[in-house]
Amino acid sequence: MLYLQSFDYHGSNSLPYRKLDYVRLIGWLGAIQDLDPANEYPLFAAARVYSEVPDAKRQRMMLEFIYERFLEDPDRRWPWVAQASLVAKHRLHDLHLALKYARAVEGIKGAQSVPLWAKQMSAFILEDMNELDAARIMLGGLLASGQIRDAGEKRLLEERLKELDKRSGWTPAH
């Protein structure tokens, strides 16, 4: 893995990450992951190094690789698909792709290691998509579930929900 990552920095190599053959690169990352499935470094490199090149096609290829590998072991690989969601949202400006990845994290059942912020990502992406009713339902469901124990976080989400209610024109029944 270190050899692969250092390829861009080799003294005689003048090929930057954005010009690498990403099909081949993904093959190498996959092979490394297959040799040691518990090793998170290939997915870390995919999410934090190779998906950040200024080339949308290569970014999308790397994000899809992360997503496919996430599906093999969601309980341990959720951080990398959460990062993929952020890259899709902020770098590619593709909210539908960001939502796909965020919903994958949200859908993990029973994984105690997934923090609430990761499970809340899709609500905020829905808000960005102007899907206010869907975002309201998600935030309301999170609040009603009792999963949120931190008073500050609960207050923040309640305020966000009130803001969404106001923006969508929703008023509670009396």
Foldseek 3Di string as FASTA:
>chain_A
DVCLVCQCVDPVDPQHLVRDPLVVVLVVLVVVCVVPVVDCVSLCCLLPPNLPDLDPVSVVVSLVSLVVSCVVPVLRSLVSLQSNLVCCCPVVVNLVSSLVSLVSNLPDPPNPPRDVVSNLVNLVSCVVVVVLVVSLVSLVCVLVVPPDDDPVVSVVSVVVSVVSCVVVVHDDDD
